[in-house]
Amino acid sequence: VVALARAVPPAAPETEADALLVAAHAALMDDPGLNGLALAVLELDCEWEVEDADSVVAAIPARYAIRYRTRAHDLTQRG
């Protein structure tokens, strides 16, 4: 998951990107079993990246590991 935000004063892009990431994280963790298709969803890490080009942009990539409980050849079928 990568949360991206561009600076639009008075809001800082870091604040906006953080709010996006918080919402995405909450949605993922609302059902960590993914309706029975996974054993778990685990957050691995998160990094901040701020770029100053024509406008200031913040990117927050967050990596998650999903341990599936599905068949190897069909992710829609429980294993």
PDB file of N, CA and C in Angstrom:
ATOM      1  N   VAL A   1       0.861  -1.156   0.000  1.00  0.00           N
ATOM      2  CA  VAL A   1       0.000   0.000   0.000  1.00  0.00           C
ATOM      3  C   VAL A   1       0.906   1.216   0.000  1.00  0.00           C
ATOM      4  N   VAL A   2       0.630   2.183  -0.891  1.00  0.00           N
ATOM      5  CA  VAL A   2       1.392   3.426  -0.901  1.00  0.00           C
ATOM      6  C   VAL A   2       0.417   4.582  -0.800  1.00  0.00           C
ATOM      7  N   ALA A   3       0.543   5.369   0.244  1.00  0.00           N
ATOM      8  CA  ALA A   3      -0.271   6.568   0.411  1.00  0.00           C
ATOM      9  C   ALA A   3       0.500   7.745  -0.181  1.00  0.00           C
ATOM     10  N   LEU A   4      -0.109   8.431  -1.139  1.00  0.00           N
ATOM     11  CA  LEU A   4       0.523   9.576  -1.800  1.00  0.00           C
ATOM     12  C   LEU A   4      -0.301  10.828  -1.545  1.00  0.00           C
ATOM     13  N   ALA A   5       0.370  11.932  -1.289  1.00  0.00           N
ATOM     14  CA  ALA A   5      -0.325  13.207  -1.102  1.00  0.00           C
ATOM     15  C   ALA A   5       0.571  14.345  -1.586  1.00  0.00           C
ATOM     16  N   ARG A   6      -0.059  15.355  -2.187  1.00  0.00           N
ATOM     17  CA  ARG A   6       0.649  16.539  -2.679  1.00  0.00           C
ATOM     18  C   ARG A   6       0.314  17.703  -1.759  1.00  0.00           C
ATOM     19  N   ALA A   7       1.252  18.600  -1.596  1.00  0.00           N
ATOM     20  CA  ALA A   7       1.053  19.763  -0.731  1.00  0.00           C
ATOM     21  C   ALA A   7       0.002  20.694  -1.331  1.00  0.00           C
ATOM     22  N   VAL A   8      -1.049  20.955  -0.549  1.00  0.00           N
ATOM     23  CA  VAL A   8      -2.067  21.943  -0.892  1.00  0.00           C
ATOM     24  C   VAL A   8      -2.261  22.775   0.368  1.00  0.00           C
ATOM     25  N   PRO A   9      -1.616  23.961   0.414  1.00  0.00           N
ATOM     26  CA  PRO A   9      -1.669  24.757   1.637  1.00  0.00           C
ATOM     27  C   PRO A   9      -3.106  24.988   2.101  1.00  0.00           C
ATOM     28  N   PRO A  10      -3.346  24.986   3.384  1.00  0.00           N
ATOM     29  CA  PRO A  10      -2.389  24.952   4.482  1.00  0.00           C
ATOM     30  C   PRO A  10      -2.006  23.543   4.929  1.00  0.00           C
ATOM     31  N   ALA A  11      -2.567  22.498   4.324  1.00  0.00           N
ATOM     32  CA  ALA A  11      -2.278  21.132   4.766  1.00  0.00           C
ATOM     33  C   ALA A  11      -0.892  20.694   4.308  1.00  0.00           C
ATOM     34  N   ALA A  12      -0.196  19.980   5.170  1.00  0.00           N
ATOM     35  CA  ALA A  12       1.113  19.418   4.835  1.00  0.00           C
ATOM     36  C   ALA A  12       0.901  18.060   4.182  1.00  0.00           C
ATOM     37  N   PRO A  13       1.677  17.727   3.144  1.00  0.00           N
ATOM     38  CA  PRO A  13       1.482  16.437   2.484  1.00  0.00           C
ATOM     39  C   PRO A  13       1.711  15.247   3.404  1.00  0.00           C
ATOM     40  N   GLU A  14       2.612  15.383   4.368  1.00  0.00           N
ATOM     41  CA  GLU A  14       2.874  14.290   5.297  1.00  0.00           C
ATOM     42  C   GLU A  14       1.626  13.965   6.111  1.00  0.00           C
ATOM     43  N   THR A  15       0.906  15.001   6.540  1.00  0.00           N
ATOM     44  CA  THR A  15      -0.309  14.817   7.330  1.00  0.00           C
ATOM     45  C   THR A  15      -1.391  14.146   6.504  1.00  0.00           C
ATOM     46  N   GLU A  16      -1.544  14.581   5.254  1.00  0.00           N
ATOM     47  CA  GLU A  16      -2.564  14.009   4.379  1.00  0.00           C
ATOM     48  C   GLU A  16      -2.235  12.554   4.028  1.00  0.00           C
ATOM     49  N   ALA A  17      -0.978  12.271   3.709  1.00  0.00           N
ATOM     50  CA  ALA A  17      -0.579  10.897   3.379  1.00  0.00           C
ATOM     51  C   ALA A  17      -0.743   9.987   4.591  1.00  0.00           C
ATOM     52  N   ASP A  18      -0.429  10.505   5.772  1.00  0.00           N
ATOM     53  CA  ASP A  18      -0.588   9.713   6.985  1.00  0.00           C
ATOM     54  C   ASP A  18      -2.052   9.358   7.212  1.00  0.00           C
ATOM     55  N   ALA A  19      -2.956  10.308   6.984  1.00  0.00           N
ATOM     56  CA  ALA A  19      -4.388  10.044   7.146  1.00  0.00           C
ATOM     57  C   ALA A  19      -4.850   8.971   6.161  1.00  0.00           C
ATOM     58  N   LEU A  20      -4.340   9.009   4.927  1.00  0.00           N
ATOM     59  CA  LEU A  20      -4.682   7.980   3.942  1.00  0.00           C
ATOM     60  C   LEU A  20      -4.195   6.606   4.382  1.00  0.00           C
ATOM     61  N   LEU A  21      -2.970   6.559   4.888  1.00  0.00           N
ATOM     62  CA  LEU A  21      -2.415   5.282   5.335  1.00  0.00           C
ATOM     63  C   LEU A  21      -3.175   4.734   6.539  1.00  0.00           C
ATOM     64  N   VAL A  22      -3.557   5.600   7.445  1.00  0.00           N
ATOM     65  CA  VAL A  22      -4.331   5.164   8.618  1.00  0.00           C
ATOM     66  C   VAL A  22      -5.659   4.553   8.171  1.00  0.00           C
ATOM     67  N   ALA A  23      -6.318   5.171   7.191  1.00  0.00           N
ATOM     68  CA  ALA A  23      -7.591   4.647   6.689  1.00  0.00           C
ATOM     69  C   ALA A  23      -7.396   3.304   5.978  1.00  0.00           C
ATOM     70  N   ALA A  24      -6.342   3.189   5.171  1.00  0.00           N
ATOM     71  CA  ALA A  24      -6.066   1.934   4.465  1.00  0.00           C
ATOM     72  C   ALA A  24      -5.743   0.820   5.458  1.00  0.00           C
ATOM     73  N   HIS A  25      -4.937   1.144   6.469  1.00  0.00           N
ATOM     74  CA  HIS A  25      -4.573   0.162   7.495  1.00  0.00           C
ATOM     75  C   HIS A  25      -5.827  -0.312   8.244  1.00  0.00           C
ATOM     76  N   ALA A  26      -6.688   0.618   8.608  1.00  0.00           N
ATOM     77  CA  ALA A  26      -7.917   0.260   9.327  1.00  0.00           C
ATOM     78  C   ALA A  26      -8.795  -0.652   8.481  1.00  0.00           C
ATOM     79  N   ALA A  27      -8.881  -0.380   7.182  1.00  0.00           N
ATOM     80  CA  ALA A  27      -9.685  -1.221   6.290  1.00  0.00           C
ATOM     81  C   ALA A  27      -9.101  -2.630   6.186  1.00  0.00           C
ATOM     82  N   LEU A  28      -7.775  -2.728   6.072  1.00  0.00           N
ATOM     83  CA  LEU A  28      -7.133  -4.042   5.999  1.00  0.00           C
ATOM     84  C   LEU A  28      -7.304  -4.818   7.290  1.00  0.00           C
ATOM     85  N   MET A  29      -7.138  -4.149   8.416  1.00  0.00           N
ATOM     86  CA  MET A  29      -7.171  -4.831   9.708  1.00  0.00           C
ATOM     87  C   MET A  29      -8.581  -5.031  10.249  1.00  0.00           C
ATOM     88  N   ASP A  30      -9.576  -4.476   9.556  1.00  0.00           N
ATOM     89  CA  ASP A  30     -10.960  -4.673   9.982  1.00  0.00           C
ATOM     90  C   ASP A  30     -11.341  -6.152   9.899  1.00  0.00           C
ATOM     91  N   ASP A  31     -10.800  -6.851   8.902  1.00  0.00           N
ATOM     92  CA  ASP A  31     -11.030  -8.290   8.747  1.00  0.00           C
ATOM     93  C   ASP A  31      -9.710  -8.952   8.364  1.00  0.00           C
ATOM     94  N   PRO A  32      -8.811  -9.179   9.342  1.00  0.00           N
ATOM     95  CA  PRO A  32      -7.496  -9.736   9.024  1.00  0.00           C
ATOM     96  C   PRO A  32      -7.547 -11.146   8.439  1.00  0.00           C
ATOM     97  N   GLY A  33      -8.681 -11.809   8.539  1.00  0.00           N
ATOM     98  CA  GLY A  33      -8.838 -13.121   7.927  1.00  0.00           C
ATOM     99  C   GLY A  33      -9.341 -13.030   6.493  1.00  0.00           C
ATOM    100  N   LEU A  34      -9.588 -11.804   6.022  1.00  0.00           N
ATOM    101  CA  LEU A  34     -10.077 -11.555   4.657  1.00  0.00           C
ATOM    102  C   LEU A  34     -11.229 -12.487   4.295  1.00  0.00           C
ATOM    103  N   ASN A  35     -12.235 -12.457   5.177  1.00  0.00           N
ATOM    104  CA  ASN A  35     -13.444 -13.255   4.973  1.00  0.00           C
ATOM    105  C   ASN A  35     -13.136 -14.751   4.856  1.00  0.00           C
ATOM    106  N   GLY A  36     -12.191 -15.213   5.648  1.00  0.00           N
ATOM    107  CA  GLY A  36     -11.850 -16.635   5.683  1.00  0.00           C
ATOM    108  C   GLY A  36     -10.828 -17.074   4.649  1.00  0.00           C
ATOM    109  N   LEU A  37     -10.355 -16.158   3.808  1.00  0.00           N
ATOM    110  CA  LEU A  37      -9.388 -16.525   2.773  1.00  0.00           C
ATOM    111  C   LEU A  37      -7.940 -16.448   3.250  1.00  0.00           C
ATOM    112  N   ALA A  38      -7.705 -15.855   4.409  1.00  0.00           N
ATOM    113  CA  ALA A  38      -6.332 -15.711   4.903  1.00  0.00           C
ATOM    114  C   ALA A  38      -6.258 -16.115   6.371  1.00  0.00           C
ATOM    115  N   LEU A  39      -5.072 -16.536   6.766  1.00  0.00           N
ATOM    116  CA  LEU A  39      -4.823 -16.823   8.177  1.00  0.00           C
ATOM    117  C   LEU A  39      -4.553 -15.532   8.935  1.00  0.00           C
ATOM    118  N   ALA A  40      -3.859 -14.583   8.269  1.00  0.00           N
ATOM    119  CA  ALA A  40      -3.523 -13.329   8.938  1.00  0.00           C
ATOM    120  C   ALA A  40      -3.030 -12.299   7.933  1.00  0.00           C
ATOM    121  N   VAL A  41      -3.173 -11.037   8.319  1.00  0.00           N
ATOM    122  CA  VAL A  41      -2.564  -9.920   7.603  1.00  0.00           C
ATOM    123  C   VAL A  41      -1.637  -9.257   8.613  1.00  0.00           C
ATOM    124  N   LEU A  42      -0.359  -9.165   8.269  1.00  0.00           N
ATOM    125  CA  LEU A  42       0.631  -8.610   9.186  1.00  0.00           C
ATOM    126  C   LEU A  42       1.321  -7.411   8.551  1.00  0.00           C
ATOM    127  N   GLU A  43       1.428  -6.310   9.294  1.00  0.00           N
ATOM    128  CA  GLU A  43       2.175  -5.162   8.798  1.00  0.00           C
ATOM    129  C   GLU A  43       3.663  -5.452   8.983  1.00  0.00           C
ATOM    130  N   LEU A  44       4.435  -5.303   7.907  1.00  0.00           N
ATOM    131  CA  LEU A  44       5.871  -5.571   7.973  1.00  0.00           C
ATOM    132  C   LEU A  44       6.671  -4.320   8.284  1.00  0.00           C
ATOM    133  N   ASP A  45       6.467  -3.264   7.498  1.00  0.00           N
ATOM    134  CA  ASP A  45       7.202  -2.023   7.744  1.00  0.00           C
ATOM    135  C   ASP A  45       6.540  -0.864   7.025  1.00  0.00           C
ATOM    136  N   CYS A  46       7.037   0.316   7.323  1.00  0.00           N
ATOM    137  CA  CYS A  46       6.492   1.549   6.762  1.00  0.00           C
ATOM    138  C   CYS A  46       7.621   2.570   6.687  1.00  0.00           C
ATOM    139  N   GLU A  47       7.702   3.292   5.579  1.00  0.00           N
ATOM    140  CA  GLU A  47       8.748   4.306   5.406  1.00  0.00           C
ATOM    141  C   GLU A  47       8.127   5.612   4.924  1.00  0.00           C
ATOM    142  N   TRP A  48       8.747   6.716   5.311  1.00  0.00           N
ATOM    143  CA  TRP A  48       8.325   8.031   4.831  1.00  0.00           C
ATOM    144  C   TRP A  48       9.255   8.476   3.718  1.00  0.00           C
ATOM    145  N   GLU A  49       8.688   9.022   2.646  1.00  0.00           N
ATOM    146  CA  GLU A  49       9.479   9.606   1.575  1.00  0.00           C
ATOM    147  C   GLU A  49       8.856  10.947   1.217  1.00  0.00           C
ATOM    148  N   VAL A  50       9.637  12.007   1.297  1.00  0.00           N
ATOM    149  CA  VAL A  50       9.153  13.337   0.920  1.00  0.00           C
ATOM    150  C   VAL A  50      10.016  13.841  -0.216  1.00  0.00           C
ATOM    151  N   GLU A  51       9.371  14.207  -1.327  1.00  0.00           N
ATOM    152  CA  GLU A  51      10.071  14.703  -2.510  1.00  0.00           C
ATOM    153  C   GLU A  51       9.709  16.158  -2.724  1.00  0.00           C
ATOM    154  N   ASP A  52      10.699  16.962  -3.030  1.00  0.00           N
ATOM    155  CA  ASP A  52      10.483  18.379  -3.280  1.00  0.00           C
ATOM    156  C   ASP A  52      10.796  18.661  -4.746  1.00  0.00           C
ATOM    157  N   ALA A  53       9.763  18.631  -5.591  1.00  0.00           N
ATOM    158  CA  ALA A  53       9.937  18.900  -7.024  1.00  0.00           C
ATOM    159  C   ALA A  53       9.154  20.171  -7.343  1.00  0.00           C
ATOM    160  N   ASP A  54       8.292  20.126  -8.371  1.00  0.00           N
ATOM    161  CA  ASP A  54       7.443  21.281  -8.663  1.00  0.00           C
ATOM    162  C   ASP A  54       6.517  21.580  -7.495  1.00  0.00           C
ATOM    163  N   SER A  55       6.107  20.544  -6.785  1.00  0.00           N
ATOM    164  CA  SER A  55       5.350  20.688  -5.551  1.00  0.00           C
ATOM    165  C   SER A  55       5.820  19.594  -4.599  1.00  0.00           C
ATOM    166  N   VAL A  56       5.624  19.826  -3.327  1.00  0.00           N
ATOM    167  CA  VAL A  56       6.081  18.864  -2.324  1.00  0.00           C
ATOM    168  C   VAL A  56       5.096  17.692  -2.282  1.00  0.00           C
ATOM    169  N   VAL A  57       5.648  16.487  -2.349  1.00  0.00           N
ATOM    170  CA  VAL A  57       4.840  15.270  -2.345  1.00  0.00           C
ATOM    171  C   VAL A  57       5.354  14.338  -1.254  1.00  0.00           C
ATOM    172  N   ALA A  58       4.434  13.717  -0.559  1.00  0.00           N
ATOM    173  CA  ALA A  58       4.805  12.719   0.449  1.00  0.00           C
ATOM    174  C   ALA A  58       4.279  11.364   0.005  1.00  0.00           C
ATOM    175  N   ALA A  59       5.106  10.355   0.146  1.00  0.00           N
ATOM    176  CA  ALA A  59       4.725   8.977  -0.143  1.00  0.00           C
ATOM    177  C   ALA A  59       5.051   8.137   1.082  1.00  0.00           C
ATOM    178  N   ILE A  60       4.094   7.343   1.508  1.00  0.00           N
ATOM    179  CA  ILE A  60       4.314   6.451   2.645  1.00  0.00           C
ATOM    180  C   ILE A  60       4.025   5.029   2.185  1.00  0.00           C
ATOM    181  N   PRO A  61       5.060   4.291   1.778  1.00  0.00           N
ATOM    182  CA  PRO A  61       4.829   2.891   1.437  1.00  0.00           C
ATOM    183  C   PRO A  61       4.785   2.039   2.704  1.00  0.00           C
ATOM    184  N   ALA A  62       3.752   1.217   2.808  1.00  0.00           N
ATOM    185  CA  ALA A  62       3.626   0.283   3.924  1.00  0.00           C
ATOM    186  C   ALA A  62       3.503  -1.117   3.328  1.00  0.00           C
ATOM    187  N   ARG A  63       4.295  -2.032   3.849  1.00  0.00           N
ATOM    188  CA  ARG A  63       4.273  -3.406   3.336  1.00  0.00           C
ATOM    189  C   ARG A  63       3.542  -4.316   4.319  1.00  0.00           C
ATOM    190  N   TYR A  64       2.732  -5.182   3.745  1.00  0.00           N
ATOM    191  CA  TYR A  64       1.970  -6.143   4.530  1.00  0.00           C
ATOM    192  C   TYR A  64       2.260  -7.551   4.019  1.00  0.00           C
ATOM    193  N   ALA A  65       2.230  -8.509   4.912  1.00  0.00           N
ATOM    194  CA  ALA A  65       2.334  -9.920   4.537  1.00  0.00           C
ATOM    195  C   ALA A  65       0.964 -10.541   4.766  1.00  0.00           C
ATOM    196  N   ILE A  66       0.492 -11.279   3.763  1.00  0.00           N
ATOM    197  CA  ILE A  66      -0.787 -11.965   3.882  1.00  0.00           C
ATOM    198  C   ILE A  66      -0.509 -13.467   3.826  1.00  0.00           C
ATOM    199  N   ARG A  67      -0.923 -14.163   4.852  1.00  0.00           N
ATOM    200  CA  ARG A  67      -0.778 -15.622   4.880  1.00  0.00           C
ATOM    201  C   ARG A  67      -2.115 -16.208   4.451  1.00  0.00           C
ATOM    202  N   TYR A  68      -2.125 -16.708   3.238  1.00  0.00           N
ATOM    203  CA  TYR A  68      -3.370 -17.194   2.650  1.00  0.00           C
ATOM    204  C   TYR A  68      -3.775 -18.560   3.173  1.00  0.00           C
ATOM    205  N   ARG A  69      -5.065 -18.804   3.185  1.00  0.00           N
ATOM    206  CA  ARG A  69      -5.655 -20.087   3.544  1.00  0.00           C
ATOM    207  C   ARG A  69      -6.421 -20.595   2.311  1.00  0.00           C
ATOM    208  N   THR A  70      -5.842 -20.428   1.166  1.00  0.00           N
ATOM    209  CA  THR A  70      -6.517 -20.764  -0.077  1.00  0.00           C
ATOM    210  C   THR A  70      -5.712 -21.800  -0.858  1.00  0.00           C
ATOM    211  N   ARG A  71      -6.316 -22.312  -1.878  1.00  0.00           N
ATOM    212  CA  ARG A  71      -5.625 -23.253  -2.747  1.00  0.00           C
ATOM    213  C   ARG A  71      -4.593 -22.497  -3.585  1.00  0.00           C
ATOM    214  N   ALA A  72      -3.472 -23.122  -3.843  1.00  0.00           N
ATOM    215  CA  ALA A  72      -2.376 -22.470  -4.559  1.00  0.00           C
ATOM    216  C   ALA A  72      -2.786 -22.024  -5.958  1.00  0.00           C
ATOM    217  N   HIS A  73      -3.629 -22.761  -6.608  1.00  0.00           N
ATOM    218  CA  HIS A  73      -4.002 -22.447  -7.985  1.00  0.00           C
ATOM    219  C   HIS A  73      -5.238 -21.556  -8.100  1.00  0.00           C
ATOM    220  N   ASP A  74      -5.957 -21.300  -6.969  1.00  0.00           N
ATOM    221  CA  ASP A  74      -7.164 -20.475  -7.016  1.00  0.00           C
ATOM    222  C   ASP A  74      -7.344 -19.752  -5.685  1.00  0.00           C
ATOM    223  N   LEU A  75      -7.079 -18.452  -5.661  1.00  0.00           N
ATOM    224  CA  LEU A  75      -7.151 -17.677  -4.425  1.00  0.00           C
ATOM    225  C   LEU A  75      -8.573 -17.473  -3.923  1.00  0.00           C
ATOM    226  N   THR A  76      -9.579 -17.835  -4.716  1.00  0.00           N
ATOM    227  CA  THR A  76     -10.967 -17.680  -4.276  1.00  0.00           C
ATOM    228  C   THR A  76     -11.487 -18.921  -3.561  1.00  0.00           C
ATOM    229  N   GLN A  77     -10.731 -20.019  -3.613  1.00  0.00           N
ATOM    230  CA  GLN A  77     -11.144 -21.281  -2.994  1.00  0.00           C
ATOM    231  C   GLN A  77     -10.393 -21.511  -1.685  1.00  0.00           C
ATOM    232  N   ARG A  78     -11.144 -21.716  -0.616  1.00  0.00           N
ATOM    233  CA  ARG A  78     -10.511 -22.004   0.672  1.00  0.00           C
ATOM    234  C   ARG A  78      -9.841 -23.365   0.636  1.00  0.00           C
ATOM    235  N   GLY A  79      -8.642 -23.412   1.263  1.00  0.00           N
ATOM    236  CA  GLY A  79      -7.891 -24.660   1.277  1.00  0.00           C
ATOM    237  C   GLY A  79      -7.991 -25.407   2.573  1.00  0.00           C
TER     238      GLY A  79
END
